[in-house]
């Protein structure tokens, strides 16, 4: 999932910018940076020495990007189902919570 979404930050940059709150500056730069971070997270998960830190950072990241998914669905951005509007949130918010708990469980809880 991180590989696909990381690449999408570069192939669907303008759509990702639409998802961001209006008050944020440098939106395109932030989209590129978060794409790089997602791709680096893939590598970080594969390295034993960095996997737990990567997991913690991913949990923080998943929480931080949830507002962008909410904004994207309210604006009906044509990306990943958000064009369905607020209905998309009934799927996306629980999915985001699932990602957070899944990441915690497999990345921290099982790796004590």
N, C-alpha and C. Protein backbone atom coordinates (compact mmCIF):
# COMPACT_ATOMS: atom_id res chain seq x y z
N UNK A 1 0.82 -1.19 0.00
CA UNK A 1 0.00 0.00 0.00
C UNK A 1 0.87 1.25 0.00
N UNK A 2 1.92 1.25 0.80
CA UNK A 2 2.79 2.42 0.87
C UNK A 2 3.51 2.70 -0.44
N UNK A 3 3.86 1.66 -1.17
CA UNK A 3 4.52 1.86 -2.46
C UNK A 3 3.56 2.54 -3.43
N UNK A 4 2.33 2.04 -3.50
CA UNK A 4 1.34 2.61 -4.43
C UNK A 4 1.01 4.05 -4.05
N UNK A 5 0.73 4.30 -2.76
CA UNK A 5 0.38 5.66 -2.37
C UNK A 5 1.58 6.59 -2.47
N UNK A 6 2.77 6.08 -2.18
CA UNK A 6 3.97 6.91 -2.32
C UNK A 6 4.17 7.36 -3.76
N UNK A 7 4.00 6.44 -4.70
CA UNK A 7 4.14 6.78 -6.12
C UNK A 7 3.03 7.74 -6.55
N UNK A 8 1.83 7.57 -6.00
CA UNK A 8 0.71 8.45 -6.36
C UNK A 8 0.99 9.90 -5.98
N UNK A 9 1.84 10.13 -4.98
CA UNK A 9 2.21 11.50 -4.62
C UNK A 9 2.93 12.20 -5.78
N UNK A 10 3.52 11.41 -6.68
CA UNK A 10 4.24 11.98 -7.82
C UNK A 10 3.43 11.92 -9.11
N UNK A 11 2.52 10.97 -9.21
CA UNK A 11 1.72 10.84 -10.43
C UNK A 11 0.39 11.57 -10.33
N UNK A 12 -0.08 11.81 -9.11
CA UNK A 12 -1.34 12.50 -8.90
C UNK A 12 -1.18 13.70 -7.97
N UNK A 13 -0.06 14.39 -8.15
CA UNK A 13 0.30 15.48 -7.24
C UNK A 13 -0.79 16.53 -7.13
N UNK A 14 -1.34 16.98 -8.25
CA UNK A 14 -2.35 18.04 -8.22
C UNK A 14 -3.61 17.61 -7.45
N UNK A 15 -3.98 16.34 -7.59
CA UNK A 15 -5.14 15.84 -6.84
C UNK A 15 -4.83 15.79 -5.34
N UNK A 16 -3.60 15.40 -5.01
CA UNK A 16 -3.20 15.38 -3.59
C UNK A 16 -3.19 16.79 -3.02
N UNK A 17 -2.78 17.76 -3.80
CA UNK A 17 -2.78 19.15 -3.34
C UNK A 17 -4.21 19.59 -3.02
N UNK A 18 -5.18 19.16 -3.83
CA UNK A 18 -6.58 19.52 -3.59
C UNK A 18 -7.09 19.01 -2.25
N UNK A 19 -6.51 17.93 -1.75
CA UNK A 19 -6.95 17.32 -0.50
C UNK A 19 -6.48 18.10 0.73
N UNK A 20 -5.53 18.97 0.55
CA UNK A 20 -4.89 19.63 1.69
C UNK A 20 -5.69 20.84 2.16
N UNK A 21 -5.59 21.13 3.45
CA UNK A 21 -6.28 22.33 3.98
C UNK A 21 -5.80 23.59 3.27
N UNK A 22 -6.70 24.52 3.09
CA UNK A 22 -6.39 25.75 2.35
C UNK A 22 -5.30 26.58 3.01
N UNK A 23 -5.18 26.52 4.32
CA UNK A 23 -4.23 27.39 5.02
C UNK A 23 -2.77 26.94 4.91
N UNK A 24 -2.54 25.72 4.44
CA UNK A 24 -1.16 25.23 4.35
C UNK A 24 -0.40 25.85 3.18
N UNK A 25 0.81 26.34 3.43
CA UNK A 25 1.65 26.83 2.33
C UNK A 25 2.43 25.66 1.72
N UNK A 26 3.03 25.88 0.57
CA UNK A 26 3.93 24.91 -0.06
C UNK A 26 3.29 23.52 -0.22
N UNK A 27 2.06 23.51 -0.64
CA UNK A 27 1.31 22.25 -0.73
C UNK A 27 2.00 21.21 -1.62
N UNK A 28 2.45 21.64 -2.78
CA UNK A 28 3.07 20.70 -3.71
C UNK A 28 4.35 20.12 -3.10
N UNK A 29 5.12 20.95 -2.43
CA UNK A 29 6.34 20.47 -1.77
C UNK A 29 6.00 19.46 -0.68
N UNK A 30 4.93 19.72 0.06
CA UNK A 30 4.52 18.80 1.12
C UNK A 30 4.09 17.46 0.52
N UNK A 31 3.39 17.51 -0.60
CA UNK A 31 2.96 16.27 -1.27
C UNK A 31 4.19 15.46 -1.70
N UNK A 32 5.16 16.12 -2.30
CA UNK A 32 6.39 15.40 -2.70
C UNK A 32 7.11 14.83 -1.49
N UNK A 33 7.23 15.64 -0.44
CA UNK A 33 7.91 15.19 0.77
C UNK A 33 7.22 13.97 1.39
N UNK A 34 5.90 14.01 1.47
CA UNK A 34 5.19 12.88 2.07
C UNK A 34 5.28 11.64 1.17
N UNK A 35 5.35 11.84 -0.12
CA UNK A 35 5.56 10.70 -1.03
C UNK A 35 6.92 10.06 -0.78
N UNK A 36 7.94 10.88 -0.63
CA UNK A 36 9.28 10.36 -0.33
C UNK A 36 9.26 9.64 1.02
N UNK A 37 8.58 10.23 2.01
CA UNK A 37 8.52 9.60 3.33
C UNK A 37 7.82 8.24 3.28
N UNK A 38 6.78 8.14 2.49
CA UNK A 38 6.09 6.84 2.37
C UNK A 38 7.00 5.80 1.73
N UNK A 39 7.74 6.19 0.71
CA UNK A 39 8.65 5.24 0.07
C UNK A 39 9.82 4.88 0.99
N UNK A 40 10.30 5.85 1.75
CA UNK A 40 11.35 5.55 2.73
C UNK A 40 10.83 4.64 3.84
N UNK A 41 9.56 4.79 4.19
CA UNK A 41 8.96 3.92 5.21
C UNK A 41 8.97 2.47 4.77
N UNK A 42 8.77 2.23 3.49
CA UNK A 42 8.84 0.86 2.98
C UNK A 42 10.22 0.27 3.26
N UNK A 43 11.24 1.04 2.98
CA UNK A 43 12.61 0.58 3.23
C UNK A 43 12.83 0.42 4.74
N UNK A 44 12.38 1.38 5.52
CA UNK A 44 12.55 1.34 6.97
C UNK A 44 11.91 0.13 7.61
N UNK A 45 10.79 -0.31 7.06
CA UNK A 45 10.12 -1.50 7.60
C UNK A 45 10.90 -2.78 7.32
N UNK A 46 11.68 -2.76 6.27
CA UNK A 46 12.44 -3.95 5.88
C UNK A 46 13.75 -4.12 6.64
N UNK A 47 14.18 -3.09 7.33
CA UNK A 47 15.45 -3.13 8.06
C UNK A 47 15.15 -3.29 9.54
N UNK A 48 15.66 -4.37 10.14
CA UNK A 48 15.38 -4.66 11.55
C UNK A 48 15.69 -3.50 12.48
N UNK A 49 16.82 -2.85 12.30
CA UNK A 49 17.24 -1.78 13.21
C UNK A 49 16.33 -0.56 13.16
N UNK A 50 15.64 -0.36 12.06
CA UNK A 50 14.80 0.84 11.92
C UNK A 50 13.30 0.53 11.90
N UNK A 51 12.94 -0.73 11.95
CA UNK A 51 11.52 -1.08 11.76
C UNK A 51 10.61 -0.53 12.86
N UNK A 52 11.01 -0.61 14.12
CA UNK A 52 10.13 -0.11 15.19
C UNK A 52 9.98 1.41 15.12
N UNK A 53 11.05 2.11 14.86
CA UNK A 53 10.96 3.56 14.71
C UNK A 53 10.08 3.91 13.52
N UNK A 54 10.24 3.18 12.44
CA UNK A 54 9.42 3.40 11.25
C UNK A 54 7.95 3.17 11.57
N UNK A 55 7.65 2.15 12.33
CA UNK A 55 6.26 1.85 12.70
C UNK A 55 5.67 3.02 13.51
N UNK A 56 6.40 3.51 14.49
CA UNK A 56 5.92 4.64 15.29
C UNK A 56 5.68 5.85 14.40
N UNK A 57 6.61 6.12 13.51
CA UNK A 57 6.46 7.26 12.62
C UNK A 57 5.28 7.07 11.66
N UNK A 58 5.05 5.84 11.22
CA UNK A 58 3.90 5.58 10.34
C UNK A 58 2.58 5.80 11.07
N UNK A 59 2.51 5.40 12.33
CA UNK A 59 1.29 5.62 13.10
C UNK A 59 1.01 7.11 13.21
N UNK A 60 2.03 7.88 13.52
CA UNK A 60 1.88 9.34 13.58
C UNK A 60 1.46 9.89 12.22
N UNK A 61 2.07 9.38 11.18
CA UNK A 61 1.76 9.82 9.81
C UNK A 61 0.31 9.50 9.45
N UNK A 62 -0.14 8.28 9.76
CA UNK A 62 -1.52 7.89 9.44
C UNK A 62 -2.52 8.79 10.17
N UNK A 63 -2.20 9.18 11.38
CA UNK A 63 -3.07 10.09 12.12
C UNK A 63 -3.03 11.48 11.47
N UNK A 64 -1.85 11.90 11.08
CA UNK A 64 -1.68 13.25 10.50
C UNK A 64 -2.37 13.41 9.15
N UNK A 65 -2.43 12.36 8.35
CA UNK A 65 -3.03 12.49 7.01
C UNK A 65 -4.53 12.25 6.99
N UNK A 66 -5.09 11.81 8.10
CA UNK A 66 -6.54 11.58 8.13
C UNK A 66 -7.33 12.85 7.79
N UNK A 67 -6.95 14.02 8.31
CA UNK A 67 -7.69 15.23 7.90
C UNK A 67 -7.66 15.48 6.39
N UNK A 68 -6.56 15.16 5.74
CA UNK A 68 -6.49 15.35 4.28
C UNK A 68 -7.48 14.44 3.58
N UNK A 69 -7.65 13.23 4.07
CA UNK A 69 -8.63 12.33 3.48
C UNK A 69 -10.05 12.83 3.70
N UNK A 70 -10.29 13.40 4.86
CA UNK A 70 -11.61 13.97 5.13
C UNK A 70 -11.88 15.17 4.22
N UNK A 71 -10.90 16.06 4.13
CA UNK A 71 -11.05 17.24 3.26
C UNK A 71 -11.22 16.80 1.81
N UNK A 72 -10.43 15.82 1.37
CA UNK A 72 -10.53 15.34 0.00
C UNK A 72 -11.91 14.80 -0.33
N UNK A 73 -12.51 14.10 0.61
CA UNK A 73 -13.84 13.56 0.34
C UNK A 73 -14.90 14.66 0.36
N UNK A 74 -14.73 15.63 1.25
CA UNK A 74 -15.70 16.73 1.28
C UNK A 74 -15.61 17.60 0.04
N UNK A 75 -14.39 17.71 -0.54
CA UNK A 75 -14.21 18.45 -1.79
C UNK A 75 -14.49 17.58 -3.01
N UNK A 76 -14.71 16.30 -2.77
CA UNK A 76 -14.95 15.31 -3.82
C UNK A 76 -13.81 15.26 -4.84
N UNK A 77 -12.59 15.18 -4.31
CA UNK A 77 -11.40 15.06 -5.16
C UNK A 77 -11.47 13.72 -5.89
N UNK A 78 -11.16 13.73 -7.16
CA UNK A 78 -11.26 12.54 -8.00
C UNK A 78 -10.05 11.62 -7.81
N UNK A 79 -9.93 11.07 -6.60
CA UNK A 79 -8.78 10.23 -6.28
C UNK A 79 -9.19 9.17 -5.27
N UNK A 80 -9.06 7.92 -5.64
CA UNK A 80 -9.24 6.82 -4.71
C UNK A 80 -10.59 6.70 -4.05
N UNK A 81 -11.64 7.14 -4.69
CA UNK A 81 -12.98 7.01 -4.13
C UNK A 81 -13.51 8.27 -3.48
N UNK A 82 -12.65 9.27 -3.31
CA UNK A 82 -13.09 10.50 -2.65
C UNK A 82 -14.13 11.26 -3.45
N UNK A 83 -14.22 10.95 -4.75
CA UNK A 83 -15.22 11.62 -5.58
C UNK A 83 -16.64 11.25 -5.14
N UNK A 84 -16.77 10.23 -4.29
CA UNK A 84 -18.08 9.84 -3.75
C UNK A 84 -18.55 10.77 -2.65
N UNK A 85 -17.71 11.70 -2.26
CA UNK A 85 -18.09 12.68 -1.25
C UNK A 85 -18.05 12.12 0.16
N UNK A 86 -18.92 12.63 1.00
CA UNK A 86 -18.92 12.27 2.41
C UNK A 86 -19.18 10.78 2.65
N UNK A 87 -19.85 10.12 1.71
CA UNK A 87 -20.10 8.68 1.83
C UNK A 87 -18.77 7.92 1.93
N UNK A 88 -17.77 8.42 1.24
CA UNK A 88 -16.44 7.81 1.26
C UNK A 88 -15.88 7.73 2.68
N UNK A 89 -16.23 8.69 3.52
CA UNK A 89 -15.70 8.73 4.88
C UNK A 89 -16.17 7.54 5.71
N UNK A 90 -17.34 6.99 5.39
CA UNK A 90 -17.82 5.81 6.11
C UNK A 90 -16.90 4.63 5.88
N UNK A 91 -16.19 4.64 4.77
CA UNK A 91 -15.20 3.60 4.48
C UNK A 91 -13.81 4.02 4.92
N UNK A 92 -13.43 5.24 4.61
CA UNK A 92 -12.05 5.69 4.80
C UNK A 92 -11.64 5.85 6.26
N UNK A 93 -12.49 6.44 7.06
CA UNK A 93 -12.11 6.66 8.46
C UNK A 93 -11.88 5.32 9.19
N UNK A 94 -12.81 4.36 9.09
CA UNK A 94 -12.52 3.06 9.72
C UNK A 94 -11.28 2.38 9.12
N UNK A 95 -11.08 2.55 7.81
CA UNK A 95 -9.90 1.96 7.19
C UNK A 95 -8.62 2.58 7.75
N UNK A 96 -8.62 3.88 7.93
CA UNK A 96 -7.45 4.57 8.48
C UNK A 96 -7.19 4.10 9.91
N UNK A 97 -8.25 3.94 10.70
CA UNK A 97 -8.10 3.43 12.06
C UNK A 97 -7.56 2.00 12.02
N UNK A 98 -8.05 1.20 11.08
CA UNK A 98 -7.54 -0.16 10.90
C UNK A 98 -6.05 -0.14 10.59
N UNK A 99 -5.62 0.74 9.67
CA UNK A 99 -4.19 0.85 9.34
C UNK A 99 -3.36 1.18 10.58
N UNK A 100 -3.86 2.07 11.41
CA UNK A 100 -3.13 2.48 12.62
C UNK A 100 -2.98 1.28 13.55
N UNK A 101 -4.08 0.58 13.83
CA UNK A 101 -4.00 -0.56 14.74
C UNK A 101 -3.23 -1.73 14.14
N UNK A 102 -3.39 -1.95 12.84
CA UNK A 102 -2.66 -3.01 12.16
C UNK A 102 -1.16 -2.75 12.25
N UNK A 103 -0.76 -1.52 11.99
CA UNK A 103 0.65 -1.14 12.06
C UNK A 103 1.18 -1.32 13.47
N UNK A 104 0.42 -0.89 14.45
CA UNK A 104 0.83 -1.06 15.85
C UNK A 104 0.96 -2.55 16.20
N UNK A 105 -0.06 -3.33 15.87
CA UNK A 105 -0.08 -4.74 16.25
C UNK A 105 1.09 -5.51 15.64
N UNK A 106 1.27 -5.38 14.34
CA UNK A 106 2.31 -6.17 13.68
C UNK A 106 3.69 -5.54 13.83
N UNK A 107 3.75 -4.24 14.01
CA UNK A 107 5.05 -3.58 14.08
C UNK A 107 5.61 -3.42 15.47
N UNK A 108 4.73 -3.38 16.48
CA UNK A 108 5.21 -3.17 17.84
C UNK A 108 4.81 -4.33 18.75
N UNK A 109 3.54 -4.62 18.79
CA UNK A 109 3.03 -5.64 19.72
C UNK A 109 3.66 -7.00 19.48
N UNK A 110 3.75 -7.44 18.24
CA UNK A 110 4.33 -8.76 17.95
C UNK A 110 5.85 -8.77 17.94
N UNK A 111 6.46 -7.61 17.92
CA UNK A 111 7.92 -7.52 17.84
C UNK A 111 8.55 -7.05 19.14
N UNK A 112 8.07 -7.53 20.27
CA UNK A 112 8.62 -7.12 21.56
C UNK A 112 9.97 -7.74 21.82
